[in-house]
């Protein structure tokens, strides 16, 4: 059985002082050659969507902010990037792909632990696919507290045993 890796929103617009370490950690995880297929989501802030209307936040509406980070582009294959408008969770085409491939478990990494990673992991759980979240390969653009808050909510909702350490933190709890 393959071990799919779902890389959530590791895109140009979400790299900051709190998340800059995530692309290289994900590359190191991929280099272990244990995961296939590699699946990507990318957040697109829809014009007139809730982030625009309710939060007056206008970033990540188009390229380059919606682009997968350069470090991960060599791993992107056609048909394996799934766009999602806002915090909608799993796009329908990703759900269809997972069901068509009879995938029962997905390893999850990415940005933002407290938002998109959390929503995707809970959606996987809800559709009967076991999410395994590598906590050291996730971070939040809002910093360590938001990351830890996301992990606390995930622990309660998908089970603490589904939160794992990939061994890539080099002893750092937050961005080095």
N, C-alpha and C. Protein backbone atom coordinates (compact mmCIF):
# COMPACT_ATOMS: atom_id res chain seq x y z
N UNK A 1 0.84 -1.18 0.00
CA UNK A 1 0.00 0.00 0.00
C UNK A 1 0.88 1.24 0.00
N UNK A 2 0.54 2.23 -0.81
CA UNK A 2 1.30 3.48 -0.85
C UNK A 2 1.01 4.32 0.39
N UNK A 3 1.91 5.22 0.68
CA UNK A 3 1.73 6.14 1.79
C UNK A 3 1.67 7.56 1.22
N UNK A 4 0.47 8.03 0.90
CA UNK A 4 0.34 9.36 0.31
C UNK A 4 0.74 10.46 1.31
N UNK A 5 1.38 11.49 0.77
CA UNK A 5 1.74 12.66 1.55
C UNK A 5 0.98 13.84 0.99
N UNK A 6 0.16 14.47 1.82
CA UNK A 6 -0.60 15.64 1.42
C UNK A 6 0.08 16.88 1.99
N UNK A 7 0.56 17.73 1.11
CA UNK A 7 1.30 18.93 1.47
C UNK A 7 0.34 20.11 1.34
N UNK A 8 -0.08 20.62 2.49
CA UNK A 8 -1.14 21.62 2.55
C UNK A 8 -0.58 23.04 2.51
N UNK A 9 -0.89 23.74 1.44
CA UNK A 9 -0.68 25.19 1.32
C UNK A 9 0.74 25.67 1.61
N UNK A 10 1.74 24.89 1.22
CA UNK A 10 3.13 25.34 1.35
C UNK A 10 3.41 26.14 0.09
N UNK A 11 2.96 27.38 0.14
CA UNK A 11 2.97 28.27 -1.01
C UNK A 11 3.63 29.58 -0.65
N UNK A 12 4.04 30.29 -1.66
CA UNK A 12 4.83 31.51 -1.50
C UNK A 12 4.19 32.50 -0.53
N UNK A 13 2.89 32.70 -0.62
CA UNK A 13 2.20 33.69 0.21
C UNK A 13 2.13 33.37 1.68
N UNK A 14 2.48 32.15 2.07
CA UNK A 14 2.42 31.76 3.47
C UNK A 14 3.79 31.56 4.11
N UNK A 15 4.83 31.99 3.44
CA UNK A 15 6.16 31.87 4.02
C UNK A 15 6.49 33.17 4.74
N UNK A 16 6.78 33.04 6.04
CA UNK A 16 7.16 34.20 6.84
C UNK A 16 8.14 33.74 7.92
N UNK A 17 8.38 34.58 8.92
CA UNK A 17 9.36 34.27 9.96
C UNK A 17 8.99 33.02 10.77
N UNK A 18 7.71 32.65 10.78
CA UNK A 18 7.26 31.50 11.55
C UNK A 18 7.17 30.21 10.72
N UNK A 19 7.21 30.33 9.40
CA UNK A 19 7.00 29.18 8.53
C UNK A 19 8.16 28.90 7.56
N UNK A 20 9.17 29.73 7.57
CA UNK A 20 10.26 29.64 6.59
C UNK A 20 10.98 28.29 6.59
N UNK A 21 10.92 27.57 7.69
CA UNK A 21 11.61 26.28 7.81
C UNK A 21 10.82 25.11 7.22
N UNK A 22 9.55 25.30 6.97
CA UNK A 22 8.70 24.19 6.53
C UNK A 22 9.07 23.65 5.15
N UNK A 23 9.32 24.47 4.14
CA UNK A 23 9.67 23.89 2.83
C UNK A 23 10.84 22.92 2.90
N UNK A 24 11.91 23.29 3.59
CA UNK A 24 13.08 22.40 3.65
C UNK A 24 12.79 21.13 4.45
N UNK A 25 11.99 21.23 5.49
CA UNK A 25 11.61 20.03 6.24
C UNK A 25 10.80 19.08 5.36
N UNK A 26 9.90 19.64 4.58
CA UNK A 26 9.08 18.80 3.70
C UNK A 26 9.96 18.16 2.63
N UNK A 27 10.92 18.90 2.10
CA UNK A 27 11.85 18.32 1.12
C UNK A 27 12.61 17.16 1.76
N UNK A 28 13.08 17.34 2.98
CA UNK A 28 13.81 16.26 3.67
C UNK A 28 12.91 15.04 3.90
N UNK A 29 11.64 15.29 4.20
CA UNK A 29 10.69 14.20 4.36
C UNK A 29 10.49 13.46 3.04
N UNK A 30 10.32 14.20 1.97
CA UNK A 30 10.15 13.60 0.64
C UNK A 30 11.40 12.80 0.26
N UNK A 31 12.57 13.33 0.59
CA UNK A 31 13.82 12.66 0.25
C UNK A 31 13.98 11.29 0.92
N UNK A 32 13.19 11.02 1.93
CA UNK A 32 13.23 9.70 2.56
C UNK A 32 12.66 8.63 1.63
N UNK A 33 11.97 9.08 0.60
CA UNK A 33 11.43 8.19 -0.44
C UNK A 33 10.45 7.15 0.11
N UNK A 34 9.62 7.57 1.05
CA UNK A 34 8.62 6.68 1.64
C UNK A 34 7.20 7.02 1.21
N UNK A 35 7.03 8.15 0.55
CA UNK A 35 5.69 8.66 0.32
C UNK A 35 5.36 8.79 -1.16
N UNK A 36 4.20 8.27 -1.51
CA UNK A 36 3.70 8.39 -2.87
C UNK A 36 2.20 8.09 -2.84
N UNK A 37 1.44 8.83 -3.54
CA UNK A 37 1.81 10.00 -4.32
C UNK A 37 2.01 11.23 -3.42
N UNK A 38 2.63 12.24 -4.00
CA UNK A 38 2.76 13.54 -3.35
C UNK A 38 1.61 14.39 -3.86
N UNK A 39 0.77 14.82 -2.94
CA UNK A 39 -0.40 15.63 -3.28
C UNK A 39 -0.25 17.00 -2.64
N UNK A 40 -0.69 18.02 -3.33
CA UNK A 40 -0.54 19.40 -2.85
C UNK A 40 -1.90 20.10 -2.87
N UNK A 41 -2.13 20.92 -1.85
CA UNK A 41 -3.24 21.87 -1.93
C UNK A 41 -2.64 23.26 -1.97
N UNK A 42 -3.41 24.16 -2.55
CA UNK A 42 -3.00 25.57 -2.52
C UNK A 42 -4.24 26.41 -2.25
N UNK A 43 -4.08 27.32 -1.33
CA UNK A 43 -5.15 28.22 -0.91
C UNK A 43 -5.24 29.38 -1.90
N UNK A 44 -6.45 29.65 -2.36
CA UNK A 44 -6.70 30.79 -3.23
C UNK A 44 -7.77 31.64 -2.55
N UNK A 45 -7.43 32.88 -2.24
CA UNK A 45 -8.36 33.81 -1.60
C UNK A 45 -9.26 34.39 -2.69
N UNK A 46 -10.47 33.88 -2.76
CA UNK A 46 -11.41 34.28 -3.81
C UNK A 46 -11.83 35.73 -3.65
N UNK A 47 -11.83 36.49 -4.76
CA UNK A 47 -12.36 37.85 -4.70
C UNK A 47 -13.80 37.82 -4.22
N UNK A 48 -14.14 38.72 -3.37
CA UNK A 48 -15.47 38.81 -2.76
C UNK A 48 -15.78 37.62 -1.86
N UNK A 49 -14.77 36.83 -1.52
CA UNK A 49 -14.95 35.71 -0.61
C UNK A 49 -14.94 36.19 0.84
N UNK A 50 -15.06 35.28 1.79
CA UNK A 50 -15.16 35.67 3.19
C UNK A 50 -13.93 36.38 3.75
N UNK A 51 -12.73 36.00 3.29
CA UNK A 51 -11.53 36.70 3.78
C UNK A 51 -11.52 38.14 3.30
N UNK A 52 -11.93 38.34 2.09
CA UNK A 52 -12.02 39.68 1.50
C UNK A 52 -13.13 40.48 2.20
N UNK A 53 -14.30 39.90 2.31
CA UNK A 53 -15.47 40.60 2.83
C UNK A 53 -15.45 40.80 4.34
N UNK A 54 -15.13 39.75 5.09
CA UNK A 54 -15.25 39.82 6.54
C UNK A 54 -13.98 40.23 7.26
N UNK A 55 -12.83 39.90 6.69
CA UNK A 55 -11.56 40.17 7.37
C UNK A 55 -10.73 41.25 6.68
N UNK A 56 -11.21 41.72 5.53
CA UNK A 56 -10.49 42.75 4.76
C UNK A 56 -9.05 42.29 4.48
N UNK A 57 -8.89 41.00 4.19
CA UNK A 57 -7.59 40.41 3.88
C UNK A 57 -7.58 40.07 2.40
N UNK A 58 -6.61 40.61 1.67
CA UNK A 58 -6.63 40.51 0.21
C UNK A 58 -5.41 39.79 -0.38
N UNK A 59 -4.65 39.12 0.43
CA UNK A 59 -3.48 38.38 -0.06
C UNK A 59 -3.90 37.03 -0.63
N UNK A 60 -2.96 36.38 -1.28
CA UNK A 60 -3.14 35.03 -1.83
C UNK A 60 -4.32 34.94 -2.81
N UNK A 61 -4.48 35.98 -3.62
CA UNK A 61 -5.55 35.95 -4.62
C UNK A 61 -5.06 35.38 -5.95
N UNK A 62 -3.76 35.48 -6.20
CA UNK A 62 -3.21 34.95 -7.46
C UNK A 62 -1.70 34.77 -7.32
N UNK A 63 -1.06 34.37 -8.43
CA UNK A 63 0.38 34.17 -8.45
C UNK A 63 1.10 35.49 -8.18
N UNK A 64 2.23 35.52 -7.59
CA UNK A 64 3.04 34.39 -7.14
C UNK A 64 2.65 33.86 -5.75
N UNK A 65 1.77 34.57 -5.02
CA UNK A 65 1.43 34.14 -3.66
C UNK A 65 0.78 32.76 -3.61
N UNK A 66 0.07 32.36 -4.65
CA UNK A 66 -0.60 31.06 -4.66
C UNK A 66 0.29 29.94 -5.21
N UNK A 67 1.48 30.29 -5.66
CA UNK A 67 2.40 29.28 -6.21
C UNK A 67 2.96 28.39 -5.11
N UNK A 68 3.12 27.12 -5.42
CA UNK A 68 3.84 26.21 -4.53
C UNK A 68 5.27 26.75 -4.42
N UNK A 69 5.86 26.69 -3.23
CA UNK A 69 7.20 27.25 -3.02
C UNK A 69 8.21 26.61 -3.97
N UNK A 70 9.24 27.38 -4.37
CA UNK A 70 10.23 26.86 -5.32
C UNK A 70 10.90 25.55 -4.88
N UNK A 71 11.14 25.39 -3.58
CA UNK A 71 11.80 24.18 -3.09
C UNK A 71 11.00 22.92 -3.40
N UNK A 72 9.69 23.04 -3.48
CA UNK A 72 8.82 21.88 -3.70
C UNK A 72 8.38 21.71 -5.14
N UNK A 73 8.58 22.72 -5.98
CA UNK A 73 8.14 22.63 -7.38
C UNK A 73 8.70 21.40 -8.11
N UNK A 74 9.94 21.00 -7.86
CA UNK A 74 10.44 19.81 -8.57
C UNK A 74 9.65 18.54 -8.28
N UNK A 75 8.89 18.53 -7.20
CA UNK A 75 8.14 17.35 -6.80
C UNK A 75 6.69 17.37 -7.27
N UNK A 76 6.27 18.47 -7.87
CA UNK A 76 4.88 18.62 -8.30
C UNK A 76 4.67 17.88 -9.62
N UNK A 77 3.66 17.01 -9.65
CA UNK A 77 3.30 16.29 -10.86
C UNK A 77 1.94 16.77 -11.35
N UNK A 78 1.71 16.68 -12.64
CA UNK A 78 0.46 17.08 -13.23
C UNK A 78 -0.69 16.33 -12.56
N UNK A 79 -1.74 17.07 -12.22
CA UNK A 79 -2.92 16.47 -11.62
C UNK A 79 -2.83 16.24 -10.13
N UNK A 80 -1.75 16.69 -9.51
CA UNK A 80 -1.57 16.46 -8.08
C UNK A 80 -1.60 17.73 -7.25
N UNK A 81 -2.02 18.85 -7.86
CA UNK A 81 -2.19 20.11 -7.13
C UNK A 81 -3.68 20.42 -7.15
N UNK A 82 -4.24 20.59 -5.96
CA UNK A 82 -5.67 20.82 -5.81
C UNK A 82 -5.88 22.20 -5.18
N UNK A 83 -6.51 23.08 -5.93
CA UNK A 83 -6.77 24.43 -5.43
C UNK A 83 -8.04 24.44 -4.59
N UNK A 84 -8.02 25.27 -3.56
CA UNK A 84 -9.20 25.41 -2.72
C UNK A 84 -9.45 26.89 -2.47
N UNK A 85 -10.68 27.27 -2.58
CA UNK A 85 -11.06 28.67 -2.37
C UNK A 85 -11.32 28.89 -0.89
N UNK A 86 -10.43 29.59 -0.24
CA UNK A 86 -10.60 29.89 1.17
C UNK A 86 -10.39 28.67 2.05
N UNK A 87 -10.99 28.72 3.21
CA UNK A 87 -10.85 27.67 4.22
C UNK A 87 -11.93 26.62 4.02
N UNK A 88 -12.11 26.21 2.79
CA UNK A 88 -13.19 25.28 2.46
C UNK A 88 -12.84 23.85 2.79
N UNK A 89 -11.62 23.59 3.19
CA UNK A 89 -11.22 22.22 3.45
C UNK A 89 -10.84 21.52 2.16
N UNK A 90 -11.19 20.26 2.08
CA UNK A 90 -10.75 19.46 0.94
C UNK A 90 -11.58 19.77 -0.31
N UNK A 91 -10.90 20.09 -1.39
CA UNK A 91 -11.62 20.30 -2.65
C UNK A 91 -12.26 18.99 -3.13
N UNK A 92 -13.37 19.10 -3.81
CA UNK A 92 -14.09 17.92 -4.29
C UNK A 92 -13.21 17.02 -5.15
N UNK A 93 -12.36 17.64 -6.00
CA UNK A 93 -11.53 16.81 -6.87
C UNK A 93 -10.48 16.03 -6.08
N UNK A 94 -10.04 16.55 -4.94
CA UNK A 94 -9.12 15.79 -4.08
C UNK A 94 -9.86 14.64 -3.41
N UNK A 95 -11.06 14.89 -2.92
CA UNK A 95 -11.86 13.82 -2.31
C UNK A 95 -12.08 12.70 -3.32
N UNK A 96 -12.46 13.07 -4.54
CA UNK A 96 -12.69 12.07 -5.60
C UNK A 96 -11.42 11.27 -5.86
N UNK A 97 -10.29 11.96 -5.97
CA UNK A 97 -9.01 11.29 -6.22
C UNK A 97 -8.72 10.26 -5.12
N UNK A 98 -8.86 10.67 -3.86
CA UNK A 98 -8.55 9.77 -2.74
C UNK A 98 -9.46 8.53 -2.77
N UNK A 99 -10.74 8.75 -3.05
CA UNK A 99 -11.67 7.61 -3.10
C UNK A 99 -11.39 6.70 -4.30
N UNK A 100 -11.11 7.30 -5.45
CA UNK A 100 -10.81 6.50 -6.65
C UNK A 100 -9.56 5.65 -6.46
N UNK A 101 -8.61 6.15 -5.70
CA UNK A 101 -7.36 5.43 -5.44
C UNK A 101 -7.47 4.48 -4.24
N UNK A 102 -8.63 4.46 -3.61
CA UNK A 102 -8.88 3.60 -2.44
C UNK A 102 -7.87 3.87 -1.32
N UNK A 103 -7.58 5.13 -1.11
CA UNK A 103 -6.61 5.52 -0.08
C UNK A 103 -7.31 5.51 1.28
N UNK A 104 -6.67 4.88 2.25
CA UNK A 104 -7.24 4.73 3.58
C UNK A 104 -6.53 5.56 4.64
N UNK A 105 -5.31 6.00 4.32
CA UNK A 105 -4.52 6.78 5.27
C UNK A 105 -3.70 7.80 4.49
N UNK A 106 -3.60 9.02 5.04
CA UNK A 106 -2.84 10.09 4.40
C UNK A 106 -1.97 10.77 5.45
N UNK A 107 -0.71 10.97 5.11
CA UNK A 107 0.20 11.75 5.96
C UNK A 107 0.06 13.21 5.55
N UNK A 108 -0.05 14.08 6.54
CA UNK A 108 -0.36 15.49 6.30
C UNK A 108 0.73 16.38 6.88
N UNK A 109 1.17 17.36 6.08
CA UNK A 109 2.12 18.38 6.51
C UNK A 109 1.65 19.71 5.93
N UNK A 110 2.17 20.82 6.45
CA UNK A 110 1.86 22.08 5.79
C UNK A 110 1.67 23.28 6.68
N UNK A 111 1.03 24.27 6.09
CA UNK A 111 0.80 25.58 6.68
C UNK A 111 -0.69 25.90 6.49
N UNK A 112 -1.35 26.38 7.36
CA UNK A 112 -1.32 26.79 8.74
C UNK A 112 -1.92 25.68 9.60
N UNK A 113 -1.20 25.28 10.64
CA UNK A 113 -1.64 24.20 11.50
C UNK A 113 -3.02 24.48 12.07
N UNK A 114 -3.26 25.71 12.47
CA UNK A 114 -4.49 26.10 13.14
C UNK A 114 -5.64 26.41 12.19
N UNK A 115 -5.40 26.33 10.90
CA UNK A 115 -6.45 26.64 9.94
C UNK A 115 -6.56 25.54 8.89
N UNK A 116 -5.81 25.67 7.81
CA UNK A 116 -5.97 24.76 6.67
C UNK A 116 -5.53 23.33 6.98
N UNK A 117 -4.42 23.15 7.68
CA UNK A 117 -3.99 21.80 8.04
C UNK A 117 -5.05 21.16 8.93
N UNK A 118 -5.53 21.90 9.91
CA UNK A 118 -6.56 21.41 10.82
C UNK A 118 -7.82 21.01 10.05
N UNK A 119 -8.27 21.88 9.17
CA UNK A 119 -9.50 21.62 8.41
C UNK A 119 -9.34 20.41 7.50
N UNK A 120 -8.23 20.32 6.80
CA UNK A 120 -7.98 19.18 5.91
C UNK A 120 -7.92 17.88 6.71
N UNK A 121 -7.19 17.87 7.83
CA UNK A 121 -7.08 16.65 8.64
C UNK A 121 -8.44 16.23 9.18
N UNK A 122 -9.23 17.18 9.62
CA UNK A 122 -10.56 16.84 10.14
C UNK A 122 -11.49 16.38 9.01
N UNK A 123 -11.35 16.95 7.83
CA UNK A 123 -12.15 16.50 6.68
C UNK A 123 -11.77 15.07 6.29
N UNK A 124 -10.48 14.78 6.27
CA UNK A 124 -10.04 13.41 5.98
C UNK A 124 -10.68 12.44 6.97
N UNK A 125 -10.59 12.77 8.24
CA UNK A 125 -11.17 11.96 9.30
C UNK A 125 -12.67 11.75 9.05
N UNK A 126 -13.37 12.83 8.72
CA UNK A 126 -14.82 12.77 8.50
C UNK A 126 -15.23 11.90 7.32
N UNK A 127 -14.36 11.80 6.31
CA UNK A 127 -14.71 10.96 5.15
C UNK A 127 -14.14 9.54 5.28
N UNK A 128 -13.62 9.23 6.47
CA UNK A 128 -13.17 7.87 6.73
C UNK A 128 -11.76 7.55 6.29
N UNK A 129 -10.96 8.58 6.04
CA UNK A 129 -9.55 8.38 5.70
C UNK A 129 -8.73 8.84 6.90
N UNK A 130 -7.84 7.99 7.38
CA UNK A 130 -7.08 8.31 8.57
C UNK A 130 -5.98 9.34 8.27
N UNK A 131 -6.07 10.50 8.93
CA UNK A 131 -4.99 11.49 8.78
C UNK A 131 -3.90 11.26 9.82
N UNK A 132 -2.66 11.32 9.39
CA UNK A 132 -1.51 11.29 10.29
C UNK A 132 -0.78 12.61 10.05
N UNK A 133 -0.75 13.46 11.06
CA UNK A 133 -0.16 14.80 10.93
C UNK A 133 1.24 14.79 11.51
N UNK A 134 2.22 15.14 10.67
CA UNK A 134 3.59 15.28 11.14
C UNK A 134 3.74 16.69 11.73
N UNK A 135 3.75 16.76 13.05
CA UNK A 135 3.69 18.04 13.75
C UNK A 135 4.91 18.92 13.50
N UNK A 136 6.07 18.30 13.29
CA UNK A 136 7.28 19.08 13.07
C UNK A 136 7.42 19.53 11.61
N UNK A 137 6.48 19.15 10.78
CA UNK A 137 6.46 19.59 9.38
C UNK A 137 5.24 20.46 9.12
N UNK A 138 4.73 21.06 10.19
CA UNK A 138 3.62 22.01 10.12
C UNK A 138 4.00 23.26 10.90
N UNK A 139 3.40 24.36 10.55
CA UNK A 139 3.62 25.61 11.28
C UNK A 139 2.46 26.55 10.95
N UNK A 140 2.39 27.63 11.70
CA UNK A 140 1.36 28.63 11.47
C UNK A 140 1.99 29.98 11.18
N UNK A 141 1.43 30.67 10.22
CA UNK A 141 1.90 32.03 9.90
C UNK A 141 1.69 32.97 11.07
N UNK A 142 0.84 32.60 12.02
CA UNK A 142 0.58 33.44 13.19
C UNK A 142 1.51 33.10 14.36
N UNK A 143 2.41 32.13 14.18
CA UNK A 143 3.39 31.84 15.21
C UNK A 143 3.12 30.57 15.99
N UNK A 144 3.97 30.35 16.99
CA UNK A 144 3.97 29.12 17.76
C UNK A 144 2.67 28.88 18.50
N UNK A 145 2.09 29.91 19.12
CA UNK A 145 0.84 29.72 19.86
C UNK A 145 -0.27 29.20 18.95
N UNK A 146 -0.37 29.75 17.76
CA UNK A 146 -1.40 29.31 16.83
C UNK A 146 -1.13 27.87 16.39
N UNK A 147 0.13 27.54 16.15
CA UNK A 147 0.51 26.16 15.79
C UNK A 147 0.09 25.20 16.90
N UNK A 148 0.44 25.53 18.14
CA UNK A 148 0.11 24.66 19.27
C UNK A 148 -1.40 24.57 19.49
N UNK A 149 -2.10 25.67 19.28
CA UNK A 149 -3.56 25.65 19.40
C UNK A 149 -4.16 24.69 18.37
N UNK A 150 -3.65 24.74 17.14
CA UNK A 150 -4.12 23.83 16.11
C UNK A 150 -3.87 22.38 16.48
N UNK A 151 -2.70 22.10 17.04
CA UNK A 151 -2.38 20.73 17.46
C UNK A 151 -3.29 20.28 18.60
N UNK A 152 -3.61 21.19 19.52
CA UNK A 152 -4.51 20.84 20.63
C UNK A 152 -5.90 20.47 20.10
N UNK A 153 -6.40 21.24 19.16
CA UNK A 153 -7.72 20.96 18.59
C UNK A 153 -7.67 19.65 17.80
N UNK A 154 -6.62 19.45 17.03
CA UNK A 154 -6.48 18.20 16.28
C UNK A 154 -6.41 17.00 17.22
N UNK A 155 -5.67 17.12 18.30
CA UNK A 155 -5.53 16.03 19.25
C UNK A 155 -6.90 15.59 19.76
N UNK A 156 -7.73 16.55 20.07
CA UNK A 156 -9.07 16.25 20.58
C UNK A 156 -9.97 15.65 19.50
N UNK A 157 -9.85 16.12 18.28
CA UNK A 157 -10.80 15.76 17.23
C UNK A 157 -10.41 14.56 16.37
N UNK A 158 -9.13 14.33 16.18
CA UNK A 158 -8.72 13.15 15.38
C UNK A 158 -7.94 12.15 16.21
N UNK A 159 -7.60 12.51 17.45
CA UNK A 159 -6.88 11.62 18.35
C UNK A 159 -5.40 11.92 18.40
N UNK A 160 -4.88 12.00 19.61
CA UNK A 160 -3.47 12.34 19.83
C UNK A 160 -2.52 11.37 19.13
N UNK A 161 -2.95 10.11 18.98
CA UNK A 161 -2.07 9.11 18.35
C UNK A 161 -1.88 9.38 16.87
N UNK A 162 -2.64 10.30 16.30
CA UNK A 162 -2.49 10.65 14.88
C UNK A 162 -1.60 11.88 14.68
N UNK A 163 -1.08 12.40 15.78
CA UNK A 163 -0.12 13.50 15.71
C UNK A 163 1.25 12.89 15.97
N UNK A 164 2.12 12.99 14.99
CA UNK A 164 3.42 12.32 15.08
C UNK A 164 4.55 13.30 14.78
N UNK A 165 5.72 12.93 15.21
CA UNK A 165 6.93 13.69 14.94
C UNK A 165 7.71 12.95 13.86
N UNK A 166 8.05 13.66 12.80
CA UNK A 166 8.81 13.04 11.70
C UNK A 166 10.31 13.02 11.99
N UNK A 167 10.72 13.61 13.10
CA UNK A 167 12.13 13.62 13.47
C UNK A 167 12.95 14.66 12.72
N UNK A 168 12.29 15.72 12.26
CA UNK A 168 12.99 16.73 11.46
C UNK A 168 13.11 18.09 12.15
N UNK A 169 12.75 18.16 13.42
CA UNK A 169 12.74 19.46 14.10
C UNK A 169 14.10 19.91 14.58
N UNK A 170 15.07 19.02 14.64
CA UNK A 170 16.42 19.33 15.11
C UNK A 170 16.39 19.95 16.50
N UNK A 171 15.38 19.55 17.30
CA UNK A 171 15.28 20.04 18.67
C UNK A 171 14.54 21.35 18.84
N UNK A 172 14.07 21.95 17.75
CA UNK A 172 13.37 23.22 17.84
C UNK A 172 11.86 22.99 17.87
N UNK A 173 11.17 23.63 18.81
CA UNK A 173 9.72 23.56 18.85
C UNK A 173 9.10 24.51 17.83
N UNK A 174 9.76 25.64 17.63
CA UNK A 174 9.26 26.64 16.70
C UNK A 174 10.28 26.82 15.57
N UNK A 175 10.03 27.81 14.72
CA UNK A 175 10.94 28.09 13.61
C UNK A 175 12.33 28.41 14.17
N UNK A 176 13.36 27.75 13.63
CA UNK A 176 14.72 28.05 14.11
C UNK A 176 15.17 29.43 13.66
